[in-house]
Protein backbone atom coordinates (compact mmCIF):
# COMPACT_ATOMS: atom_id res chain seq x y z
CA MET A 1 -6.39 7.30 68.94
CA GLY A 2 -4.54 5.40 66.32
CA ASN A 3 -1.02 4.98 65.10
CA ARG A 4 -1.48 7.86 62.66
CA VAL A 5 -2.13 10.29 65.53
CA LEU A 6 0.93 8.90 67.31
CA GLU A 7 2.98 9.59 64.16
CA ILE A 8 1.82 13.21 64.21
CA VAL A 9 2.58 13.50 67.94
CA VAL A 10 6.12 12.21 67.33
CA PHE A 11 6.49 14.67 64.43
CA LEU A 12 5.28 17.57 66.60
CA MET A 13 7.55 16.62 69.49
CA THR A 14 10.53 16.42 67.14
CA HIS A 15 9.62 19.88 65.84
CA ILE A 16 9.31 21.23 69.40
CA LYS A 17 12.66 19.74 70.42
CA ASP A 18 14.33 21.14 67.28
CA HIS A 19 12.89 24.62 68.00
CA GLN A 20 13.91 24.90 71.68
CA GLY A 21 10.51 24.02 73.11
CA GLN A 22 8.42 26.16 70.77
CA LEU A 23 5.61 25.01 68.51
CA GLU A 24 5.92 27.56 65.72
CA ASN A 25 4.35 27.89 62.27
CA ILE A 26 1.31 25.79 63.12
CA ASP A 27 -0.34 26.59 59.78
CA ASP A 28 2.74 25.46 57.85
CA ILE A 29 3.00 22.27 59.92
CA SER A 30 -0.70 21.52 59.38
CA SER A 31 -0.37 22.06 55.63
CA TYR A 32 2.66 19.79 55.53
CA LEU A 33 0.82 17.07 57.45
CA LYS A 34 -2.25 17.37 55.20
CA SER A 35 -0.05 17.08 52.11
CA ASN A 36 1.29 13.83 53.58
CA GLY A 37 -2.18 12.31 53.84
CA PHE A 38 -3.20 13.09 57.42
CA THR A 39 -6.77 14.22 58.02
CA ASP A 40 -7.85 17.38 59.80
CA ASN A 41 -9.28 15.25 62.60
CA GLU A 42 -6.00 13.37 63.12
CA ILE A 43 -4.00 16.60 63.10
CA SER A 44 -6.40 18.28 65.50
CA SER A 45 -6.34 15.29 67.86
CA ALA A 46 -2.55 15.25 67.91
CA TYR A 47 -2.29 19.03 68.49
CA SER A 48 -4.85 18.83 71.29
CA TRP A 49 -3.05 15.97 72.98
CA VAL A 50 0.35 17.69 72.82
CA LEU A 51 -1.04 20.99 74.06
CA ASP A 52 -2.88 19.25 76.91
CA GLN A 53 0.37 17.61 77.98
CA MET A 54 2.23 20.93 77.94
CA GLN A 55 -0.07 22.56 80.53
CA PRO A 56 1.56 23.94 83.69
CA GLY A 57 2.06 21.26 86.30
CA SER A 58 2.26 18.47 83.75
CA GLU A 59 5.17 16.04 84.09
CA PHE A 60 5.14 15.57 80.33
CA LEU A 61 8.20 17.46 79.12
CA PRO A 62 11.16 16.60 81.33
CA THR A 63 14.10 18.94 81.62
CA GLU A 64 17.31 17.91 79.91
CA THR A 65 18.84 16.78 83.19
CA GLN A 66 15.83 14.62 83.99
CA ALA A 67 15.73 13.13 80.49
CA ASP A 68 19.44 12.27 80.52
CA PHE A 69 19.70 11.15 84.15
CA SER A 70 19.27 7.42 83.70
CA PHE A 71 20.57 4.96 81.19
CA ARG A 72 18.78 1.63 80.83
CA ILE A 73 20.80 -1.37 79.67
CA LEU A 74 18.82 -4.33 78.39
CA SER A 75 19.67 -7.86 79.41
CA GLU A 76 20.13 -10.46 76.70
CA PRO A 77 16.63 -11.94 77.18
CA GLU A 78 15.13 -8.44 77.00
CA ARG A 79 17.01 -7.68 73.78
CA ARG A 80 15.56 -10.80 72.20
CA ASN A 81 12.03 -9.60 73.00
CA PHE A 82 12.27 -6.52 70.75
CA SER A 83 13.28 -5.97 67.16
CA PRO A 84 15.99 -3.35 66.61
CA ASP A 85 13.40 -1.07 64.94
CA ALA A 86 11.06 -1.37 67.93
CA MET A 87 13.86 -0.58 70.41
CA GLY A 88 15.04 2.33 68.29
CA TYR A 89 11.52 3.74 68.25
CA LEU A 90 11.21 3.32 72.02
CA LEU A 91 14.51 5.16 72.55
CA GLN A 92 13.44 7.93 70.18
CA LEU A 93 10.24 8.46 72.17
CA ARG A 94 12.23 8.58 75.41
CA HIS A 95 14.62 11.13 73.93
CA LEU A 96 11.69 13.30 72.82
CA GLY A 97 10.25 13.20 76.34
CA LEU A 98 7.13 11.29 75.33
CA LEU A 99 7.93 8.38 77.64
CA SER A 100 9.20 8.39 81.20
CA ASP A 101 11.60 5.85 82.66
CA SER A 102 8.73 4.11 84.42
CA GLN A 103 6.75 3.90 81.17
CA ILE A 104 9.79 2.41 79.43
CA GLU A 105 10.00 -0.20 82.17
CA LEU A 106 6.31 -0.97 81.78
CA ILE A 107 6.70 -1.45 78.03
CA LEU A 108 9.75 -3.67 78.52
CA GLU A 109 7.76 -5.79 80.97
CA ARG A 110 4.90 -6.13 78.51
CA GLY A 111 7.33 -7.21 75.82
CA THR A 112 8.00 -10.37 77.76
CA LEU A 113 4.29 -11.24 77.54
CA VAL A 114 4.19 -11.12 73.74
CA GLY A 115 5.49 -14.61 73.16
CA PRO A 116 8.30 -16.24 71.26
CA SER A 117 8.64 -13.71 68.45
CA PRO A 118 10.18 -10.30 69.12
CA VAL A 119 7.95 -7.23 69.33
CA ASP A 120 8.16 -5.49 65.97
CA LEU A 121 7.76 -1.79 65.21
CA GLU A 122 4.01 -1.97 64.54
CA GLN A 123 3.35 -3.85 67.77
CA MET A 124 5.51 -1.32 69.63
CA LYS A 125 3.42 1.53 68.20
CA LEU A 126 0.24 -0.18 69.41
CA VAL A 127 1.59 -0.58 72.93
CA VAL A 128 2.94 2.97 73.08
CA GLY A 129 -0.29 4.43 71.66
CA ALA A 130 -2.38 2.54 74.20
CA LEU A 131 -0.12 3.68 77.01
CA LEU A 132 0.12 7.34 75.99
CA PHE A 133 -3.49 7.79 74.99
CA ARG A 134 -4.86 5.46 77.71
CA GLU A 135 -6.91 3.52 75.19
CA PRO A 136 -8.99 0.95 77.07
CA GLU A 137 -9.01 -1.47 74.19
CA TYR A 138 -7.16 -1.82 70.95
CA ASN A 139 -6.56 -4.46 68.34
CA ASP A 140 -3.27 -6.24 68.48
CA MET A 141 -3.07 -6.85 64.75
CA GLY A 142 -4.75 -10.23 64.78
CA LYS A 143 -2.56 -11.75 67.46
CA SER A 144 -3.86 -12.99 70.76
CA GLN A 145 -1.45 -11.16 73.05
CA VAL A 146 -2.84 -9.07 75.84
CA PHE A 147 -0.98 -6.01 77.08
CA LEU A 148 -1.92 -5.05 80.63
CA LEU A 149 -1.73 -1.34 81.31
CA PRO A 150 -2.16 0.37 84.66
CA ASP A 151 -4.79 3.02 85.13
CA ASP A 152 -4.10 6.33 86.85
CA GLU A 153 -4.13 4.69 90.30
CA GLY A 154 -1.58 2.08 89.23
CA LEU A 155 -4.12 -0.73 89.07
CA VAL A 156 -3.87 -3.05 86.11
CA ASN A 157 -6.96 -3.11 83.93
């Protein structure tokens, strides 16, 4: 799945959070997304992913107390590894419940592997998309960085 599907997922999660956990007016949302250039396939993929994550027993949507329990402070070297836009996006995803604390830690670790330049917003979206959607391979926008992601058993692949 690409960045465009991730954009729709973020949009849907914002809508759900704003409507007390409900995904209402699906037809209106779909029409709005289509009018903004998203394809039926992208919209369908995003809906399917969100609905799959909301199944009973899923750890996807934390309660408010779980979401607000911890507060991560970045060290100075960590702050240099991420652009302000990339960090803001990461915090937004955490607030929406799309990322857990352990996933945030994993992304912060991977940021140190990028190299001398800070991770920008587009690179952050690639890492988050690969992590959330468990994409085995993805392009890193022409750069030669490698982001190692654990599989379901915690093994790095």
